[in-house]
């Protein structure tokens, strides 16, 4: 079960980013699906699903994603999951890591 519960590991920890009760067992499957979708959407040729750690930051050093990549991920969320992020300030929390992204998707799927 993957829950974002450690404020030290994730400076953007938020109870609103945790999955709703009953969906925890699907979190690993959703994370794996998101890994593949991220790789395909961003054409990350030298990256495999095992290279993306669930708790590692998506933006910056680890994967090297930038603001243009985040825009492409926003399109992915809207197209694949029917999710539109209304408040741009929440984006930093949502896209902090694969864990936070998967939790957000889990809570907000159309």
N, C-alpha and C. Protein backbone atom coordinates (compact mmCIF):
# COMPACT_ATOMS: atom_id res chain seq x y z
N UNK A 1 0.84 -1.16 0.00
CA UNK A 1 0.00 0.00 0.00
C UNK A 1 0.89 1.23 0.00
N UNK A 2 0.60 2.20 -0.87
CA UNK A 2 1.38 3.40 -0.98
C UNK A 2 0.56 4.60 -0.52
N UNK A 3 0.91 5.11 0.63
CA UNK A 3 0.26 6.31 1.13
C UNK A 3 1.34 7.34 1.41
N UNK A 4 1.05 8.56 1.10
CA UNK A 4 1.99 9.63 1.34
C UNK A 4 1.78 10.10 2.77
N UNK A 5 2.60 9.60 3.69
CA UNK A 5 2.35 9.90 5.10
C UNK A 5 3.56 10.52 5.78
N UNK A 6 4.67 10.66 5.12
CA UNK A 6 5.88 11.14 5.76
C UNK A 6 6.19 12.56 5.30
N UNK A 7 5.98 13.54 6.17
CA UNK A 7 6.23 14.93 5.82
C UNK A 7 7.71 15.19 5.54
N UNK A 8 8.59 14.40 6.15
CA UNK A 8 10.02 14.60 5.93
C UNK A 8 10.42 14.19 4.52
N UNK A 9 9.83 13.14 3.99
CA UNK A 9 10.14 12.68 2.64
C UNK A 9 9.50 13.57 1.58
N UNK A 10 8.34 14.12 1.90
CA UNK A 10 7.59 14.90 0.93
C UNK A 10 7.22 16.25 1.53
N UNK A 11 7.93 17.32 1.15
CA UNK A 11 7.63 18.62 1.72
C UNK A 11 6.26 19.15 1.31
N UNK A 12 5.65 18.52 0.34
CA UNK A 12 4.34 18.95 -0.12
C UNK A 12 3.25 18.02 0.39
N UNK A 13 3.54 17.31 1.46
CA UNK A 13 2.58 16.39 2.06
C UNK A 13 1.25 17.09 2.29
N UNK A 14 0.20 16.40 1.94
CA UNK A 14 -1.14 16.95 2.15
C UNK A 14 -2.11 15.80 2.29
N UNK A 15 -2.99 15.89 3.26
CA UNK A 15 -3.99 14.85 3.42
C UNK A 15 -4.87 14.76 2.17
N UNK A 16 -5.01 15.87 1.45
CA UNK A 16 -5.85 15.85 0.25
C UNK A 16 -5.22 15.06 -0.88
N UNK A 17 -3.94 14.74 -0.77
CA UNK A 17 -3.27 13.95 -1.81
C UNK A 17 -3.33 12.45 -1.52
N UNK A 18 -3.88 12.06 -0.38
CA UNK A 18 -3.97 10.65 -0.07
C UNK A 18 -5.16 10.03 -0.79
N UNK A 19 -5.06 8.76 -1.18
CA UNK A 19 -6.19 8.10 -1.83
C UNK A 19 -7.34 7.90 -0.87
N UNK A 20 -8.52 7.84 -1.41
CA UNK A 20 -9.69 7.61 -0.57
C UNK A 20 -9.73 6.15 -0.13
N UNK A 21 -10.41 5.89 0.98
CA UNK A 21 -10.49 4.55 1.53
C UNK A 21 -11.04 3.57 0.50
N UNK A 22 -10.45 2.41 0.41
CA UNK A 22 -10.93 1.39 -0.52
C UNK A 22 -10.19 1.38 -1.84
N UNK A 23 -9.35 2.39 -2.09
CA UNK A 23 -8.63 2.44 -3.35
C UNK A 23 -7.14 2.17 -3.17
N UNK A 24 -6.70 1.96 -1.93
CA UNK A 24 -5.29 1.79 -1.66
C UNK A 24 -4.68 0.60 -2.42
N UNK A 25 -5.45 -0.49 -2.52
CA UNK A 25 -4.86 -1.68 -3.14
C UNK A 25 -4.62 -1.48 -4.63
N UNK A 26 -5.27 -0.51 -5.26
CA UNK A 26 -5.06 -0.23 -6.67
C UNK A 26 -3.92 0.76 -6.91
N UNK A 27 -3.36 1.33 -5.85
CA UNK A 27 -2.36 2.38 -6.00
C UNK A 27 -1.11 1.89 -6.73
N UNK A 28 -0.63 0.70 -6.42
CA UNK A 28 0.56 0.19 -7.09
C UNK A 28 0.30 0.02 -8.59
N UNK A 29 -0.85 -0.51 -8.93
CA UNK A 29 -1.22 -0.68 -10.34
C UNK A 29 -1.33 0.68 -11.04
N UNK A 30 -1.93 1.64 -10.38
CA UNK A 30 -2.06 2.98 -10.96
C UNK A 30 -0.68 3.62 -11.14
N UNK A 31 0.19 3.46 -10.18
CA UNK A 31 1.55 4.01 -10.31
C UNK A 31 2.29 3.41 -11.49
N UNK A 32 2.16 2.10 -11.67
CA UNK A 32 2.82 1.45 -12.81
C UNK A 32 2.25 1.97 -14.13
N UNK A 33 0.94 2.13 -14.19
CA UNK A 33 0.31 2.66 -15.39
C UNK A 33 0.78 4.09 -15.67
N UNK A 34 0.85 4.91 -14.62
CA UNK A 34 1.30 6.28 -14.79
C UNK A 34 2.76 6.35 -15.24
N UNK A 35 3.59 5.46 -14.74
CA UNK A 35 4.99 5.42 -15.17
C UNK A 35 5.07 5.25 -16.69
N UNK A 36 4.34 4.28 -17.19
CA UNK A 36 4.35 4.00 -18.63
C UNK A 36 3.79 5.19 -19.41
N UNK A 37 2.70 5.76 -18.92
CA UNK A 37 2.10 6.91 -19.60
C UNK A 37 3.03 8.11 -19.60
N UNK A 38 3.72 8.35 -18.51
CA UNK A 38 4.67 9.46 -18.44
C UNK A 38 5.80 9.25 -19.45
N UNK A 39 6.34 8.05 -19.48
CA UNK A 39 7.44 7.74 -20.41
C UNK A 39 6.98 7.94 -21.85
N UNK A 40 5.80 7.44 -22.18
CA UNK A 40 5.29 7.56 -23.55
C UNK A 40 4.94 9.01 -23.90
N UNK A 41 4.25 9.70 -22.99
CA UNK A 41 3.81 11.07 -23.25
C UNK A 41 5.00 12.01 -23.46
N UNK A 42 6.05 11.80 -22.68
CA UNK A 42 7.20 12.70 -22.74
C UNK A 42 8.34 12.17 -23.60
N UNK A 43 8.12 11.02 -24.25
CA UNK A 43 9.14 10.41 -25.10
C UNK A 43 10.48 10.27 -24.39
N UNK A 44 10.44 9.70 -23.21
CA UNK A 44 11.65 9.49 -22.42
C UNK A 44 12.30 8.18 -22.87
N UNK A 45 13.11 8.27 -23.89
CA UNK A 45 13.68 7.09 -24.53
C UNK A 45 14.64 6.30 -23.65
N UNK A 46 15.37 6.98 -22.80
CA UNK A 46 16.37 6.31 -21.96
C UNK A 46 15.86 5.97 -20.57
N UNK A 47 14.54 6.06 -20.37
CA UNK A 47 13.95 5.82 -19.06
C UNK A 47 12.98 4.65 -19.16
N UNK A 48 13.06 3.73 -18.21
CA UNK A 48 12.11 2.63 -18.11
C UNK A 48 11.28 2.79 -16.86
N UNK A 49 10.18 2.05 -16.75
CA UNK A 49 9.33 2.15 -15.56
C UNK A 49 10.08 1.94 -14.25
N UNK A 50 11.07 1.06 -14.23
CA UNK A 50 11.83 0.80 -13.01
C UNK A 50 12.74 1.96 -12.62
N UNK A 51 12.97 2.89 -13.56
CA UNK A 51 13.82 4.04 -13.28
C UNK A 51 13.08 5.15 -12.53
N UNK A 52 11.77 5.05 -12.48
CA UNK A 52 10.96 6.08 -11.81
C UNK A 52 10.58 5.58 -10.42
N UNK A 53 11.17 6.18 -9.41
CA UNK A 53 10.85 5.80 -8.03
C UNK A 53 9.60 6.54 -7.59
N UNK A 54 8.74 5.84 -6.88
CA UNK A 54 7.44 6.39 -6.49
C UNK A 54 7.56 7.65 -5.63
N UNK A 55 8.55 7.70 -4.76
CA UNK A 55 8.65 8.83 -3.83
C UNK A 55 9.64 9.90 -4.29
N UNK A 56 10.35 9.65 -5.38
CA UNK A 56 11.35 10.62 -5.86
C UNK A 56 10.66 11.79 -6.57
N UNK A 57 11.23 12.98 -6.45
CA UNK A 57 10.66 14.14 -7.15
C UNK A 57 10.63 13.92 -8.66
N UNK A 58 9.50 14.28 -9.27
CA UNK A 58 9.38 14.15 -10.73
C UNK A 58 10.09 15.30 -11.44
N UNK A 59 10.01 16.46 -10.85
CA UNK A 59 10.57 17.65 -11.49
C UNK A 59 11.95 17.91 -10.93
N UNK A 60 12.89 18.18 -11.83
CA UNK A 60 14.25 18.50 -11.39
C UNK A 60 15.22 17.37 -11.63
N UNK A 61 16.04 17.10 -10.63
CA UNK A 61 17.20 16.22 -10.77
C UNK A 61 16.90 14.79 -11.21
N UNK A 62 16.04 14.11 -10.49
CA UNK A 62 15.83 12.67 -10.71
C UNK A 62 15.45 12.35 -12.16
N UNK A 63 14.33 12.83 -12.61
CA UNK A 63 13.88 12.60 -13.99
C UNK A 63 14.25 13.74 -14.93
N UNK A 64 14.46 14.90 -14.35
CA UNK A 64 14.82 16.05 -15.15
C UNK A 64 13.64 16.70 -15.86
N UNK A 65 12.43 16.49 -15.36
CA UNK A 65 11.27 17.10 -15.99
C UNK A 65 11.26 18.60 -15.71
N UNK A 66 10.73 19.35 -16.68
CA UNK A 66 10.64 20.80 -16.52
C UNK A 66 9.20 21.26 -16.71
N UNK A 67 9.00 22.56 -16.77
CA UNK A 67 7.64 23.10 -16.85
C UNK A 67 6.93 22.71 -18.14
N UNK A 68 7.65 22.55 -19.23
CA UNK A 68 7.04 22.11 -20.49
C UNK A 68 6.54 20.67 -20.34
N UNK A 69 7.32 19.83 -19.67
CA UNK A 69 6.91 18.45 -19.42
C UNK A 69 5.65 18.42 -18.55
N UNK A 70 5.58 19.30 -17.57
CA UNK A 70 4.40 19.35 -16.70
C UNK A 70 3.16 19.72 -17.51
N UNK A 71 3.31 20.64 -18.46
CA UNK A 71 2.18 20.98 -19.33
C UNK A 71 1.70 19.77 -20.11
N UNK A 72 2.64 18.97 -20.59
CA UNK A 72 2.27 17.75 -21.30
C UNK A 72 1.58 16.75 -20.38
N UNK A 73 2.00 16.70 -19.12
CA UNK A 73 1.36 15.81 -18.16
C UNK A 73 -0.05 16.30 -17.82
N UNK A 74 -0.24 17.60 -17.82
CA UNK A 74 -1.59 18.15 -17.62
C UNK A 74 -2.53 17.68 -18.73
N UNK A 75 -2.03 17.68 -19.96
CA UNK A 75 -2.81 17.19 -21.10
C UNK A 75 -3.12 15.71 -20.91
N UNK A 76 -2.14 14.94 -20.46
CA UNK A 76 -2.33 13.52 -20.20
C UNK A 76 -3.44 13.29 -19.17
N UNK A 77 -3.41 14.04 -18.08
CA UNK A 77 -4.43 13.88 -17.04
C UNK A 77 -5.82 14.17 -17.57
N UNK A 78 -5.92 15.21 -18.37
CA UNK A 78 -7.24 15.57 -18.90
C UNK A 78 -7.72 14.54 -19.92
N UNK A 79 -6.82 14.12 -20.79
CA UNK A 79 -7.19 13.18 -21.85
C UNK A 79 -7.49 11.77 -21.33
N UNK A 80 -6.63 11.26 -20.45
CA UNK A 80 -6.74 9.87 -19.99
C UNK A 80 -7.68 9.69 -18.80
N UNK A 81 -7.75 10.71 -17.94
CA UNK A 81 -8.49 10.54 -16.70
C UNK A 81 -9.62 11.55 -16.51
N UNK A 82 -9.76 12.47 -17.45
CA UNK A 82 -10.82 13.47 -17.33
C UNK A 82 -10.60 14.44 -16.18
N UNK A 83 -9.33 14.65 -15.83
CA UNK A 83 -8.99 15.51 -14.70
C UNK A 83 -8.40 16.81 -15.21
N UNK A 84 -8.94 17.90 -14.71
CA UNK A 84 -8.41 19.23 -15.02
C UNK A 84 -8.05 19.88 -13.68
N UNK A 85 -6.82 20.34 -13.57
CA UNK A 85 -6.37 20.99 -12.35
C UNK A 85 -6.81 22.45 -12.41
N UNK A 86 -7.67 22.82 -11.47
CA UNK A 86 -8.25 24.16 -11.47
C UNK A 86 -7.32 25.19 -10.85
N UNK A 87 -6.59 24.81 -9.83
CA UNK A 87 -5.73 25.74 -9.11
C UNK A 87 -4.27 25.44 -9.45
N UNK A 88 -3.61 26.31 -10.24
CA UNK A 88 -2.22 26.06 -10.62
C UNK A 88 -1.26 25.93 -9.43
N UNK A 89 -1.61 26.55 -8.29
CA UNK A 89 -0.75 26.45 -7.11
C UNK A 89 -0.70 25.03 -6.57
N UNK A 90 -1.73 24.23 -6.83
CA UNK A 90 -1.74 22.85 -6.37
C UNK A 90 -0.83 21.96 -7.21
N UNK A 91 -0.48 22.41 -8.40
CA UNK A 91 0.35 21.61 -9.30
C UNK A 91 1.66 21.16 -8.68
N UNK A 92 2.27 22.03 -7.89
CA UNK A 92 3.55 21.68 -7.26
C UNK A 92 3.38 20.50 -6.30
N UNK A 93 2.26 20.47 -5.59
CA UNK A 93 1.97 19.35 -4.69
C UNK A 93 1.63 18.09 -5.49
N UNK A 94 0.80 18.25 -6.49
CA UNK A 94 0.33 17.11 -7.28
C UNK A 94 1.47 16.43 -8.02
N UNK A 95 2.35 17.22 -8.64
CA UNK A 95 3.43 16.68 -9.45
C UNK A 95 4.73 16.52 -8.67
N UNK A 96 4.66 16.56 -7.35
CA UNK A 96 5.88 16.40 -6.56
C UNK A 96 6.54 15.04 -6.84
N UNK A 97 5.76 13.98 -6.81
CA UNK A 97 6.29 12.63 -7.02
C UNK A 97 5.22 11.78 -7.70
N UNK A 98 5.61 10.59 -8.07
CA UNK A 98 4.65 9.65 -8.64
C UNK A 98 3.58 9.31 -7.60
N UNK A 99 3.97 9.19 -6.33
CA UNK A 99 3.01 8.90 -5.27
C UNK A 99 1.93 9.98 -5.18
N UNK A 100 2.35 11.25 -5.18
CA UNK A 100 1.38 12.33 -5.06
C UNK A 100 0.51 12.43 -6.30
N UNK A 101 1.09 12.18 -7.45
CA UNK A 101 0.33 12.21 -8.70
C UNK A 101 -0.70 11.09 -8.73
N UNK A 102 -0.29 9.88 -8.37
CA UNK A 102 -1.21 8.74 -8.37
C UNK A 102 -2.34 8.94 -7.35
N UNK A 103 -2.00 9.47 -6.20
CA UNK A 103 -3.03 9.73 -5.18
C UNK A 103 -4.04 10.75 -5.69
N UNK A 104 -3.56 11.79 -6.35
CA UNK A 104 -4.45 12.81 -6.90
C UNK A 104 -5.36 12.21 -7.97
N UNK A 105 -4.79 11.42 -8.86
CA UNK A 105 -5.59 10.77 -9.91
C UNK A 105 -6.63 9.85 -9.29
N UNK A 106 -6.21 9.08 -8.30
CA UNK A 106 -7.13 8.15 -7.63
C UNK A 106 -8.34 8.87 -7.04
N UNK A 107 -8.11 10.02 -6.45
CA UNK A 107 -9.18 10.78 -5.81
C UNK A 107 -10.05 11.54 -6.79
N UNK A 108 -9.53 11.83 -7.98
CA UNK A 108 -10.23 12.75 -8.87
C UNK A 108 -10.65 12.17 -10.23
N UNK A 109 -10.53 10.87 -10.41
CA UNK A 109 -10.90 10.28 -11.70
C UNK A 109 -12.36 10.57 -12.01
N UNK A 110 -12.59 10.88 -13.29
CA UNK A 110 -13.96 11.17 -13.73
C UNK A 110 -14.78 9.91 -13.84
